[in-house]
C-alpha atoms as a PDB file:
ATOM      1  CA  MET A   1      -0.234  -0.128   0.149  1.00  0.00           C
ATOM      2  CA  VAL A   2       1.515   3.264  -1.059  1.00  0.00           C
ATOM      3  CA  THR A   3       0.776   6.039   1.699  1.00  0.00           C
ATOM      4  CA  PRO A   4       1.353  10.080   0.744  1.00  0.00           C
ATOM      5  CA  ALA A   5       4.502  11.309   2.088  1.00  0.00           C
ATOM      6  CA  THR A   6       4.571  13.824   4.614  1.00  0.00           C
ATOM      7  CA  ARG A   7       4.582  17.143   4.322  1.00  0.00           C
ATOM      8  CA  PHE A   8       7.706  18.752   5.126  1.00  0.00           C
ATOM      9  CA  SER A   9       7.443  21.750   7.771  1.00  0.00           C
ATOM     10  CA  CYS A  10      10.005  24.352   7.693  1.00  0.00           C
ATOM     11  CA  ALA A  11       9.002  25.372  11.259  1.00  0.00           C
ATOM     12  CA  ALA A  12       9.227  21.715  12.514  1.00  0.00           C
ATOM     13  CA  ALA A  13      12.665  21.419  10.910  1.00  0.00           C
ATOM     14  CA  SER A  14      13.621  24.507  12.208  1.00  0.00           C
ATOM     15  CA  SER A  15      12.449  23.519  15.890  1.00  0.00           C
ATOM     16  CA  LEU A  16      14.075  20.029  15.825  1.00  0.00           C
ATOM     17  CA  ARG A  17      17.411  21.604  14.649  1.00  0.00           C
ATOM     18  CA  ASP A  18      17.115  23.882  17.596  1.00  0.00           C
ATOM     19  CA  GLU A  19      17.876  27.041  15.198  1.00  0.00           C
ATOM     20  CA  PRO A  20      18.431  29.834  17.472  1.00  0.00           C
ATOM     21  CA  LEU A  21      15.890  32.819  17.357  1.00  0.00           C
ATOM     22  CA  SER A  22      18.014  35.528  17.988  1.00  0.00           C
ATOM     23  CA  GLY A  23      19.080  38.222  15.285  1.00  0.00           C
ATOM     24  CA  THR A  24      16.244  36.533  13.047  1.00  0.00           C
ATOM     25  CA  ALA A  25      14.074  39.833  12.632  1.00  0.00           C
ATOM     26  CA  THR A  26      13.241  41.264   9.247  1.00  0.00           C
ATOM     27  CA  HIS A  27      15.720  45.025   9.304  1.00  0.00           C
ATOM     28  CA  VAL A  28      12.794  47.474   8.778  1.00  0.00           C
ATOM     29  CA  ARG A  29      11.824  50.643  10.556  1.00  0.00           C
ATOM     30  CA  THR A  30       8.675  52.065   8.375  1.00  0.00           C
ATOM     31  CA  TRP A  31       5.189  49.789   8.805  1.00  0.00           C
ATOM     32  CA  VAL A  32       2.082  50.383   6.607  1.00  0.00           C
ATOM     33  CA  LEU A  33      -0.560  48.161   7.286  1.00  0.00           C
ATOM     34  CA  LEU A  34      -3.967  48.016   5.004  1.00  0.00           C
ATOM     35  CA  GLU A  35      -7.086  46.428   5.801  1.00  0.00           C
ATOM     36  CA  HIS A  36      -7.932  44.056   3.085  1.00  0.00           C
ATOM     37  CA  SER A  37     -10.014  40.554   4.205  1.00  0.00           C
ATOM     38  CA  GLY A  38      -8.281  38.511   1.348  1.00  0.00           C
ATOM     39  CA  PRO A  39      -7.698  36.063  -0.023  1.00  0.00           C
ATOM     40  CA  TRP A  40      -4.028  37.205  -0.113  1.00  0.00           C
ATOM     41  CA  GLY A  41      -2.295  34.830  -2.540  1.00  0.00           C
ATOM     42  CA  ASN A  42       1.544  33.896  -1.885  1.00  0.00           C
ATOM     43  CA  ASP A  43       2.504  37.857  -2.695  1.00  0.00           C
ATOM     44  CA  ALA A  44      -0.176  39.395  -1.047  1.00  0.00           C
ATOM     45  CA  LEU A  45       0.388  42.785  -2.780  1.00  0.00           C
ATOM     46  CA  LEU A  46       0.350  41.250  -6.070  1.00  0.00           C
ATOM     47  CA  ASP A  47      -2.009  38.823  -5.662  1.00  0.00           C
ATOM     48  CA  ALA A  48      -4.638  40.026  -3.658  1.00  0.00           C
ATOM     49  CA  ARG A  49      -7.667  41.609  -5.017  1.00  0.00           C
ATOM     50  CA  LEU A  50      -6.574  45.216  -5.081  1.00  0.00           C
ATOM     51  CA  PRO A  51      -7.800  47.830  -6.976  1.00  0.00           C
ATOM     52  CA  ASP A  52      -5.787  47.651 -10.622  1.00  0.00           C
ATOM     53  CA  GLY A  53      -2.411  49.267 -10.467  1.00  0.00           C
ATOM     54  CA  LEU A  54      -2.160  49.319  -6.928  1.00  0.00           C
ATOM     55  CA  GLY A  55      -0.217  46.639  -5.759  1.00  0.00           C
ATOM     56  CA  ALA A  56       2.636  47.176  -8.144  1.00  0.00           C
ATOM     57  CA  ALA A  57       2.594  51.383  -6.769  1.00  0.00           C
ATOM     58  CA  LEU A  58       2.819  49.690  -3.601  1.00  0.00           C
ATOM     59  CA  LYS A  59       5.693  48.293  -4.116  1.00  0.00           C
ATOM     60  CA  GLN A  60       7.504  50.918  -5.467  1.00  0.00           C
ATOM     61  CA  GLN A  61       6.563  52.774  -2.067  1.00  0.00           C
ATOM     62  CA  ALA A  62       7.994  50.245  -0.188  1.00  0.00           C
ATOM     63  CA  ARG A  63      11.094  49.810  -2.041  1.00  0.00           C
ATOM     64  CA  THR A  64      11.470  54.059  -2.166  1.00  0.00           C
ATOM     65  CA  TYR A  65      10.747  54.382   1.522  1.00  0.00           C
ATOM     66  CA  ARG A  66      12.563  51.039   2.718  1.00  0.00           C
ATOM     67  CA  ALA A  67       8.909  50.033   4.269  1.00  0.00           C
ATOM     68  CA  LYS A  68       7.189  46.709   4.781  1.00  0.00           C
ATOM     69  CA  ILE A  69       3.711  47.363   3.603  1.00  0.00           C
ATOM     70  CA  LEU A  70       1.433  44.263   4.756  1.00  0.00           C
ATOM     71  CA  LEU A  71      -2.165  43.832   4.358  1.00  0.00           C
ATOM     72  CA  VAL A  72      -4.069  42.799   7.392  1.00  0.00           C
ATOM     73  CA  ARG A  73      -7.585  41.444   8.541  1.00  0.00           C
ATOM     74  CA  ARG A  74      -9.437  40.546  11.894  1.00  0.00           C
ATOM     75  CA  ALA A  75      -9.089  36.817  12.711  1.00  0.00           C
ATOM     76  CA  ARG A  76     -12.787  36.566  12.081  1.00  0.00           C
ATOM     77  CA  ALA A  77     -13.141  38.675   9.116  1.00  0.00           C
ATOM     78  CA  LYS A  78     -15.794  37.607   6.710  1.00  0.00           C
ATOM     79  CA  ARG A  79     -15.464  40.389   4.298  1.00  0.00           C
ATOM     80  CA  ASP A  80     -14.030  43.854   4.458  1.00  0.00           C
ATOM     81  CA  PRO A  81     -15.809  46.677   6.329  1.00  0.00           C
ATOM     82  CA  GLU A  82     -17.179  50.104   4.253  1.00  0.00           C
ATOM     83  CA  GLN A  83     -14.668  52.225   5.871  1.00  0.00           C
ATOM     84  CA  LEU A  84     -11.079  50.357   5.901  1.00  0.00           C
ATOM     85  CA  ASN A  85      -8.260  50.606   8.653  1.00  0.00           C
ATOM     86  CA  ILE A  86      -5.044  51.618   7.714  1.00  0.00           C
ATOM     87  CA  PHE A  87      -1.973  52.133  10.169  1.00  0.00           C
ATOM     88  CA  VAL A  88       1.641  53.638   9.824  1.00  0.00           C
ATOM     89  CA  ALA A  89       3.990  52.692  12.145  1.00  0.00           C
ATOM     90  CA  ASP A  90       7.520  53.916  13.105  1.00  0.00           C
ATOM     91  CA  ALA A  91       9.512  51.158  15.175  1.00  0.00           C
ATOM     92  CA  HIS A  92      11.855  54.161  16.309  1.00  0.00           C
ATOM     93  CA  PRO A  93      14.179  52.077  19.058  1.00  0.00           C
ATOM     94  CA  ARG A  94      13.491  55.151  21.327  1.00  0.00           C
ATOM     95  CA  ARG A  95      10.664  57.031  20.010  1.00  0.00           C
ATOM     96  CA  PRO A  96       8.036  54.017  18.208  1.00  0.00           C
ATOM     97  CA  ARG A  97       4.973  55.695  16.938  1.00  0.00           C
ATOM     98  CA  VAL A  98       1.514  54.494  15.474  1.00  0.00           C
ATOM     99  CA  GLU A  99      -0.875  56.550  13.279  1.00  0.00           C
ATOM    100  CA  HIS A 100      -4.192  55.450  12.158  1.00  0.00           C
ATOM    101  CA  GLY A 101      -6.824  56.383   9.760  1.00  0.00           C
ATOM    102  CA  THR A 102      -9.566  54.686   7.969  1.00  0.00           C
ATOM    103  CA  VAL A 103     -10.399  54.768   3.998  1.00  0.00           C
ATOM    104  CA  ALA A 104     -13.311  53.941   1.623  1.00  0.00           C
ATOM    105  CA  ASP A 105     -10.804  53.385  -1.098  1.00  0.00           C
ATOM    106  CA  LEU A 106      -7.455  51.830  -0.678  1.00  0.00           C
ATOM    107  CA  ARG A 107      -5.735  53.829  -3.152  1.00  0.00           C
ATOM    108  CA  GLU A 108      -5.800  56.451  -0.688  1.00  0.00           C
ATOM    109  CA  VAL A 109      -2.921  55.179   1.008  1.00  0.00           C
ATOM    110  CA  LEU A 110      -0.790  56.502  -2.046  1.00  0.00           C
ATOM    111  CA  ASP A 111      -1.689  59.708  -0.567  1.00  0.00           C
ATOM    112  CA  LEU A 112       0.317  59.259   3.086  1.00  0.00           C
ATOM    113  CA  ASP A 113       2.985  61.636   3.323  1.00  0.00           C
ATOM    114  CA  LEU A 114       5.808  58.469   4.188  1.00  0.00           C
ATOM    115  CA  THR A 115       8.502  61.475   3.550  1.00  0.00           C
ATOM    116  CA  ALA A 116       7.124  63.372   6.546  1.00  0.00           C
ATOM    117  CA  PHE A 117       6.500  60.500   8.835  1.00  0.00           C
ATOM    118  CA  ARG A 118      10.448  59.097   8.370  1.00  0.00           C
ATOM    119  CA  GLU A 119      11.647  62.238   9.485  1.00  0.00           C
ATOM    120  CA  GLY A 120       9.206  62.716  12.584  1.00  0.00           C
ATOM    121  CA  GLY A 121       6.382  64.364  11.228  1.00  0.00           C
ATOM    122  CA  SER A 122       2.690  63.229  10.165  1.00  0.00           C
ATOM    123  CA  ALA A 123       1.769  60.901   7.443  1.00  0.00           C
ATOM    124  CA  GLY A 124      -1.374  62.525   7.291  1.00  0.00           C
ATOM    125  CA  LEU A 125      -3.411  60.324   9.649  1.00  0.00           C
ATOM    126  CA  ALA A 126      -4.217  60.855  13.718  1.00  0.00           C
ATOM    127  CA  PRO A 127      -1.722  59.411  16.345  1.00  0.00           C
ATOM    128  CA  TYR A 128      -2.707  56.083  17.879  1.00  0.00           C
ATOM    129  CA  GLU A 129      -2.328  55.022  21.457  1.00  0.00           C
ATOM    130  CA  GLY A 130      -1.588  51.322  22.082  1.00  0.00           C
ATOM    131  CA  SER A 131      -0.116  48.402  20.784  1.00  0.00           C
ATOM    132  CA  LEU A 132      -1.135  46.220  17.263  1.00  0.00           C
ATOM    133  CA  PHE A 133      -0.637  42.312  17.742  1.00  0.00           C
ATOM    134  CA  CYS A 134       0.205  41.361  14.322  1.00  0.00           C
ATOM    135  CA  VAL A 135       0.457  37.397  13.879  1.00  0.00           C
ATOM    136  CA  CYS A 136       1.498  35.956  10.338  1.00  0.00           C
ATOM    137  CA  THR A 137      -0.919  33.656   9.018  1.00  0.00           C
ATOM    138  CA  ASN A 138      -0.169  33.999   5.113  1.00  0.00           C
ATOM    139  CA  GLY A 139      -0.734  30.294   4.382  1.00  0.00           C
ATOM    140  CA  ARG A 140      -0.613  30.716   0.660  1.00  0.00           C
ATOM    141  CA  HIS A 141       2.726  32.295   0.977  1.00  0.00           C
ATOM    142  CA  ASP A 142       4.020  29.126   3.904  1.00  0.00           C
ATOM    143  CA  ALA A 143       1.851  26.733   5.156  1.00  0.00           C
ATOM    144  CA  CYS A 144       3.366  26.955   8.200  1.00  0.00           C
ATOM    145  CA  CYS A 145       2.236  30.617   8.618  1.00  0.00           C
ATOM    146  CA  ALA A 146      -1.554  29.304   8.457  1.00  0.00           C
ATOM    147  CA  GLU A 147      -0.914  25.897  10.645  1.00  0.00           C
ATOM    148  CA  PHE A 148       1.022  27.647  13.422  1.00  0.00           C
ATOM    149  CA  GLY A 149      -0.258  31.309  13.069  1.00  0.00           C
ATOM    150  CA  ARG A 150      -4.230  31.223  12.958  1.00  0.00           C
ATOM    151  CA  PRO A 151      -4.434  29.349  16.171  1.00  0.00           C
ATOM    152  CA  VAL A 152      -2.211  32.236  17.878  1.00  0.00           C
ATOM    153  CA  ALA A 153      -4.396  34.995  15.748  1.00  0.00           C
ATOM    154  CA  MET A 154      -7.479  33.514  17.189  1.00  0.00           C
ATOM    155  CA  ALA A 155      -6.482  33.256  20.942  1.00  0.00           C
ATOM    156  CA  LEU A 156      -4.984  36.789  20.666  1.00  0.00           C
ATOM    157  CA  ASP A 157      -8.104  37.974  19.170  1.00  0.00           C
ATOM    158  CA  ASP A 158     -10.169  36.450  22.313  1.00  0.00           C
ATOM    159  CA  ALA A 159      -8.024  38.309  24.579  1.00  0.00           C
ATOM    160  CA  HIS A 160      -7.094  41.582  22.730  1.00  0.00           C
ATOM    161  CA  PRO A 161      -9.562  41.901  19.843  1.00  0.00           C
ATOM    162  CA  GLU A 162      -9.153  45.809  19.300  1.00  0.00           C
ATOM    163  CA  GLN A 163      -5.209  45.109  18.999  1.00  0.00           C
ATOM    164  CA  THR A 164      -5.082  42.084  16.938  1.00  0.00           C
ATOM    165  CA  TRP A 165      -4.656  41.438  13.240  1.00  0.00           C
ATOM    166  CA  GLU A 166      -3.811  38.904  11.052  1.00  0.00           C
ATOM    167  CA  VAL A 167      -1.034  39.885   8.819  1.00  0.00           C
ATOM    168  CA  SER A 168       0.369  39.316   5.286  1.00  0.00           C
ATOM    169  CA  HIS A 169       4.038  37.673   4.999  1.00  0.00           C
ATOM    170  CA  ILE A 170       6.319  39.385   7.964  1.00  0.00           C
ATOM    171  CA  GLY A 171       9.676  37.244   7.025  1.00  0.00           C
ATOM    172  CA  GLY A 172      11.014  34.369   8.958  1.00  0.00           C
ATOM    173  CA  ASP A 173       8.525  31.266   7.881  1.00  0.00           C
ATOM    174  CA  ARG A 174      10.235  28.455   9.808  1.00  0.00           C
ATOM    175  CA  PHE A 175       9.809  30.793  13.097  1.00  0.00           C
ATOM    176  CA  ALA A 176       5.663  30.151  12.940  1.00  0.00           C
ATOM    177  CA  GLY A 177       3.613  31.238  14.827  1.00  0.00           C
ATOM    178  CA  ASN A 178       5.400  34.472  14.465  1.00  0.00           C
ATOM    179  CA  LEU A 179       4.270  37.631  16.076  1.00  0.00           C
ATOM    180  CA  VAL A 180       5.145  41.614  15.428  1.00  0.00           C
ATOM    181  CA  VAL A 181       4.730  44.135  18.029  1.00  0.00           C
ATOM    182  CA  LEU A 182       3.983  47.256  16.994  1.00  0.00           C
ATOM    183  CA  PRO A 183       4.633  50.087  17.073  1.00  0.00           C
ATOM    184  CA  GLU A 184       8.267  48.738  18.707  1.00  0.00           C
ATOM    185  CA  GLY A 185       8.781  46.350  15.764  1.00  0.00           C
ATOM    186  CA  LEU A 186       9.398  43.627  18.179  1.00  0.00           C
ATOM    187  CA  TYR A 187       9.611  39.899  16.480  1.00  0.00           C
ATOM    188  CA  TYR A 188       8.326  37.131  18.389  1.00  0.00           C
ATOM    189  CA  GLY A 189       8.477  33.320  16.788  1.00  0.00           C
ATOM    190  CA  ARG A 190       7.805  29.802  17.617  1.00  0.00           C
ATOM    191  CA  LEU A 191       4.639  31.096  19.302  1.00  0.00           C
ATOM    192  CA  ASP A 192       1.397  28.646  20.780  1.00  0.00           C
ATOM    193  CA  PRO A 193      -1.675  30.290  21.762  1.00  0.00           C
ATOM    194  CA  GLN A 194      -0.763  30.053  25.327  1.00  0.00           C
ATOM    195  CA  ARG A 195       2.820  31.234  24.857  1.00  0.00           C
ATOM    196  CA  ALA A 196       1.173  34.135  22.743  1.00  0.00           C
ATOM    197  CA  ILE A 197      -1.031  35.199  25.411  1.00  0.00           C
ATOM    198  CA  GLY A 198       1.997  35.601  27.810  1.00  0.00           C
ATOM    199  CA  VAL A 199       3.997  37.620  25.092  1.00  0.00           C
ATOM    200  CA  ALA A 200       1.002  40.251  24.658  1.00  0.00           C
ATOM    201  CA  GLY A 201       0.470  40.393  28.417  1.00  0.00           C
ATOM    202  CA  ALA A 202       4.002  41.159  29.357  1.00  0.00           C
ATOM    203  CA  HIS A 203       4.288  43.351  26.407  1.00  0.00           C
ATOM    204  CA  LEU A 204       1.393  45.614  27.656  1.00  0.00           C
ATOM    205  CA  ALA A 205       3.007  45.538  31.477  1.00  0.00           C
ATOM    206  CA  GLY A 206       6.774  46.769  29.418  1.00  0.00           C
ATOM    207  CA  GLU A 207       8.232  43.660  29.818  1.00  0.00           C
ATOM    208  CA  LEU A 208      10.029  41.287  26.985  1.00  0.00           C
ATOM    209  CA  ASP A 209       9.854  37.541  26.644  1.00  0.00           C
ATOM    210  CA  LEU A 210      13.173  36.870  25.810  1.00  0.00           C
ATOM    211  CA  ASP A 211      12.664  33.222  25.203  1.00  0.00           C
ATOM    212  CA  HIS A 212      10.664  33.701  22.005  1.00  0.00           C
ATOM    213  CA  LEU A 213      12.308  37.067  20.921  1.00  0.00           C
ATOM    214  CA  ARG A 214      13.578  37.313  17.641  1.00  0.00           C
ATOM    215  CA  GLY A 215      14.427  40.894  17.782  1.00  0.00           C
ATOM    216  CA  ARG A 216      14.184  44.337  17.297  1.00  0.00           C
ATOM    217  CA  SER A 217      13.277  45.410  13.791  1.00  0.00           C
ATOM    218  CA  SER A 218      14.714  48.620  13.690  1.00  0.00           C
ATOM    219  CA  TYR A 219      18.048  46.748  14.312  1.00  0.00           C
ATOM    220  CA  PRO A 220      20.606  45.114  11.558  1.00  0.00           C
ATOM    221  CA  MET A 221      20.093  41.254  12.626  1.00  0.00           C
ATOM    222  CA  ALA A 222      23.792  41.020  14.139  1.00  0.00           C
ATOM    223  CA  VAL A 223      22.450  43.880  16.366  1.00  0.00           C
ATOM    224  CA  GLN A 224      19.525  42.416  17.541  1.00  0.00           C
ATOM    225  CA  ALA A 225      21.694  39.191  18.377  1.00  0.00           C
ATOM    226  CA  ALA A 226      24.178  41.362  20.461  1.00  0.00           C
ATOM    227  CA  GLU A 227      20.980  42.892  22.275  1.00  0.00           C
ATOM    228  CA  LEU A 228      19.227  39.748  23.396  1.00  0.00           C
ATOM    229  CA  HIS A 229      22.698  38.197  24.552  1.00  0.00           C
ATOM    230  CA  LEU A 230      23.537  41.243  26.337  1.00  0.00           C
ATOM    231  CA  ARG A 231      19.772  41.200  28.126  1.00  0.00           C
ATOM    232  CA  ARG A 232      19.928  37.779  28.768  1.00  0.00           C
ATOM    233  CA  ARG A 233      23.660  38.250  30.441  1.00  0.00           C
ATOM    234  CA  VAL A 234      22.104  41.274  32.975  1.00  0.00           C
ATOM    235  CA  GLY A 235      18.712  40.022  33.326  1.00  0.00           C
ATOM    236  CA  ALA A 236      17.137  43.166  31.365  1.00  0.00           C
ATOM    237  CA  THR A 237      13.536  42.307  30.356  1.00  0.00           C
ATOM    238  CA  ARG A 238      11.959  45.669  30.249  1.00  0.00           C
ATOM    239  CA  VAL A 239      11.437  46.919  26.639  1.00  0.00           C
ATOM    240  CA  VAL A 240      13.222  50.251  28.097  1.00  0.00           C
ATOM    241  CA  ASP A 241      15.806  48.875  29.885  1.00  0.00           C
ATOM    242  CA  VAL A 242      18.346  48.503  26.894  1.00  0.00           C
ATOM    243  CA  ALA A 243      19.274  51.644  24.083  1.00  0.00           C
ATOM    244  CA  LEU A 244      21.571  50.992  21.428  1.00  0.00           C
ATOM    245  CA  VAL A 245      24.486  53.855  21.621  1.00  0.00           C
ATOM    246  CA  ARG A 246      26.189  53.102  18.304  1.00  0.00           C
ATOM    247  CA  ARG A 247      27.382  49.860  16.053  1.00  0.00           C
ATOM    248  CA  ALA A 248      30.210  49.151  14.053  1.00  0.00           C
ATOM    249  CA  VAL A 249      31.000  46.482  11.608  1.00  0.00           C
ATOM    250  CA  ASP A 250      33.830  45.124  10.837  1.00  0.00           C
ATOM    251  CA  GLY A 251      33.974  42.032   8.031  1.00  0.00           C
ATOM    252  CA  ASP A 252      31.619  39.440   9.470  1.00  0.00           C
ATOM    253  CA  VAL A 253      32.017  41.315  13.090  1.00  0.00           C
ATOM    254  CA  THR A 254      29.825  43.234  14.568  1.00  0.00           C
ATOM    255  CA  THR A 255      30.899  45.610  17.575  1.00  0.00           C
ATOM    256  CA  ALA A 256      27.343  47.043  19.150  1.00  0.00           C
ATOM    257  CA  THR A 257      27.400  49.444  22.229  1.00  0.00           C
ATOM    258  CA  PHE A 258      24.470  49.506  24.690  1.00  0.00           C
ATOM    259  CA  ALA A 259      23.259  51.801  27.641  1.00  0.00           C
ATOM    260  CA  VAL A 260      22.000  49.879  30.390  1.00  0.00           C
ATOM    261  CA  ALA A 261      20.592  51.588  33.680  1.00  0.00           C
ATOM    262  CA  GLY A 262      23.297  53.924  33.225  1.00  0.00           C
ATOM    263  CA  ALA A 263      26.097  51.602  32.673  1.00  0.00           C
ATOM    264  CA  THR A 264      27.544  51.156  29.160  1.00  0.00           C
ATOM    265  CA  TYR A 265      28.364  47.702  27.636  1.00  0.00           C
ATOM    266  CA  VAL A 266      30.325  46.648  24.670  1.00  0.00           C
ATOM    267  CA  VAL A 267      29.088  43.484  22.956  1.00  0.00           C
ATOM    268  CA  ARG A 268      30.538  41.929  19.819  1.00  0.00           C
ATOM    269  CA  VAL A 269      29.255  39.410  17.582  1.00  0.00           C
ATOM    270  CA  ARG A 270      30.310  37.136  14.772  1.00  0.00           C
ATOM    271  CA  THR A 271      27.831  36.588  11.791  1.00  0.00           C
ATOM    272  CA  LEU A 272      28.498  33.010  10.419  1.00  0.00           C
ATOM    273  CA  LEU A 273      26.940  31.485   7.182  1.00  0.00           C
ATOM    274  CA  ASP A 274      28.587  28.112   7.037  1.00  0.00           C
ATOM    275  CA  PRO A 275      27.594  26.144   3.923  1.00  0.00           C
ATOM    276  CA  GLU A 276      27.819  22.988   5.855  1.00  0.00           C
ATOM    277  CA  THR A 277      24.745  23.905   7.858  1.00  0.00           C
ATOM    278  CA  ALA A 278      22.910  24.451   4.165  1.00  0.00           C
ATOM    279  CA  THR A 279      19.189  23.255   4.123  1.00  0.00           C
ATOM    280  CA  ARG A 280      15.454  24.180   3.095  1.00  0.00           C
ATOM    281  CA  LEU A 281      14.934  27.450   5.087  1.00  0.00           C
ATOM    282  CA  THR A 282      11.148  27.491   3.777  1.00  0.00           C
ATOM    283  CA  CYS A 283       8.316  25.191   2.916  1.00  0.00           C
ATOM    284  CA  LYS A 284       8.575  26.225  -0.836  1.00  0.00           C
ATOM    285  CA  ALA A 285      12.531  26.127  -1.113  1.00  0.00           C
ATOM    286  CA  HIS A 286      13.772  24.519  -4.225  1.00  0.00           C
ATOM    287  CA  ARG A 287      17.109  25.011  -3.023  1.00  0.00           C
ATOM    288  CA  ASP A 288      19.189  24.922   0.099  1.00  0.00           C
ATOM    289  CA  ASN A 289      20.710  27.925   2.045  1.00  0.00           C
ATOM    290  CA  PRO A 290      23.238  28.353   4.897  1.00  0.00           C
ATOM    291  CA  ILE A 291      21.487  28.927   8.501  1.00  0.00           C
ATOM    292  CA  PRO A 292      22.618  32.449   9.396  1.00  0.00           C
ATOM    293  CA  ARG A 293      23.854  32.420  13.163  1.00  0.00           C
ATOM    294  CA  HIS A 294      25.409  35.076  15.347  1.00  0.00           C
ATOM    295  CA  GLU A 295      28.102  33.925  17.613  1.00  0.00           C
ATOM    296  CA  LEU A 296      28.810  35.892  20.702  1.00  0.00           C
ATOM    297  CA  LEU A 297      32.402  36.944  21.073  1.00  0.00           C
ATOM    298  CA  ALA A 298      32.526  39.115  24.177  1.00  0.00           C
ATOM    299  CA  VAL A 299      30.488  41.012  26.216  1.00  0.00           C
ATOM    300  CA  GLU A 300      32.651  43.782  28.203  1.00  0.00           C
ATOM    301  CA  ARG A 301      31.071  46.863  30.501  1.00  0.00           C
ATOM    302  CA  THR A 302      33.261  49.850  29.814  1.00  0.00           C
ATOM    303  CA  SER A 303      31.396  52.399  32.352  1.00  0.00           C
END
């Protein structure tokens, strides 16, 4: 008797090889979230049923402003409302912020002033107070995102319905269930519903879950890893405990200087791309790629 082959799961494979989460968040500061209930397809901006030409225009804006533009929906959405929610977020490491508005036609988002927003001004929307819990459930992009993300989104929707959104691809499918908390740009991975509720509750209290934190999106990946190494070393779990002062890169070594409770620490990490670690990193991958790793070299208190 022939039995069907077991589907390859990039998330299960990553977990089995005990791949570190730290230093794996997509490096991006400007976020744009557009309500669209779907279906999203593999490449949401191009494959979803957006007004003609809007997807390509949004792709161009994403390149121009180095922004992450996501389609979002409520976990139990059946159709789009007459007024669609839009958010812009700046994941500034010291002054994160969000603006919010509604539109009847998503083409209106092309009028947002992202240049002014990136420079500290307004995009043309109203300030939004509060957190956004963004769970990747883009199963057409990667099956693991739906398999592990949907239960997380439903649980968070039950606990925090006004703040929770399902979102299109955010990066790092193999770490599903994935959650991004805006405006801080905090990436969390390998969440199940219970852990996600804990992460959200801790965040609202100003705390980080270091066991599931992938990194802060406003920092390059090596700096994300350096911050997490330092936080674990000194026990700094509050969001505001650690601030990046400067960074320097020399080849594959990154030196990051942080301020922590009046003290200054220098953290050095080496980024490794060992060909021997090459494997399938996503469910749809057609070839193997090395697994990026950030090796801790030193942590030194300098003042």
